[in-house]
């Protein structure tokens, strides 16, 4: 049996990652797994700060890794809507693909801070996202962003800029 492909998405907050993930997941035999959706359901009252997000997203990654590898081995492709925004998080994702013997693609959205800030304001105003992110939180999150590099051993695909709409 052929394994599925693991799709990873990298970009600053409000770069359009979740929008791209939904589009990728529309392909046949493809499953979308969204960190924000799972965290908002599992820890609705615990996520108040960025350290909370780091703590609980780490727990979720620990629970999901083997499951995602099983899905890939079963022949399903997986769009992992977890931010691949740091080297250690990308390493976790690459380990899943390697464990499953599956190919992977890191979809990189290289979007400016100004565009991301504008999209985040629109997303916050729309009230449809699981989380509202304040300006000071935006700065902290963007400061932790690490663009992907070839030395990481990833199959990087730079995505064209999306329309200037509220993204994630």
Foldseek 3Di string as FASTA:
>chain_A
DAFAEEEAEADAAQQALVVVLVVVQVDPLEEEDALQVVCCVPPVPQPDDPVSVVVVSVVVLVVCLVVQLVSRLVHGYYYYNDHPFALVSVLSVVVSCVVNVHHYEYEYRYDDPVLSVVLLVQVLVVVPGSDRADPVNSVVRVVRGDDDDVVSVHHYDYDDRDDSHRHD
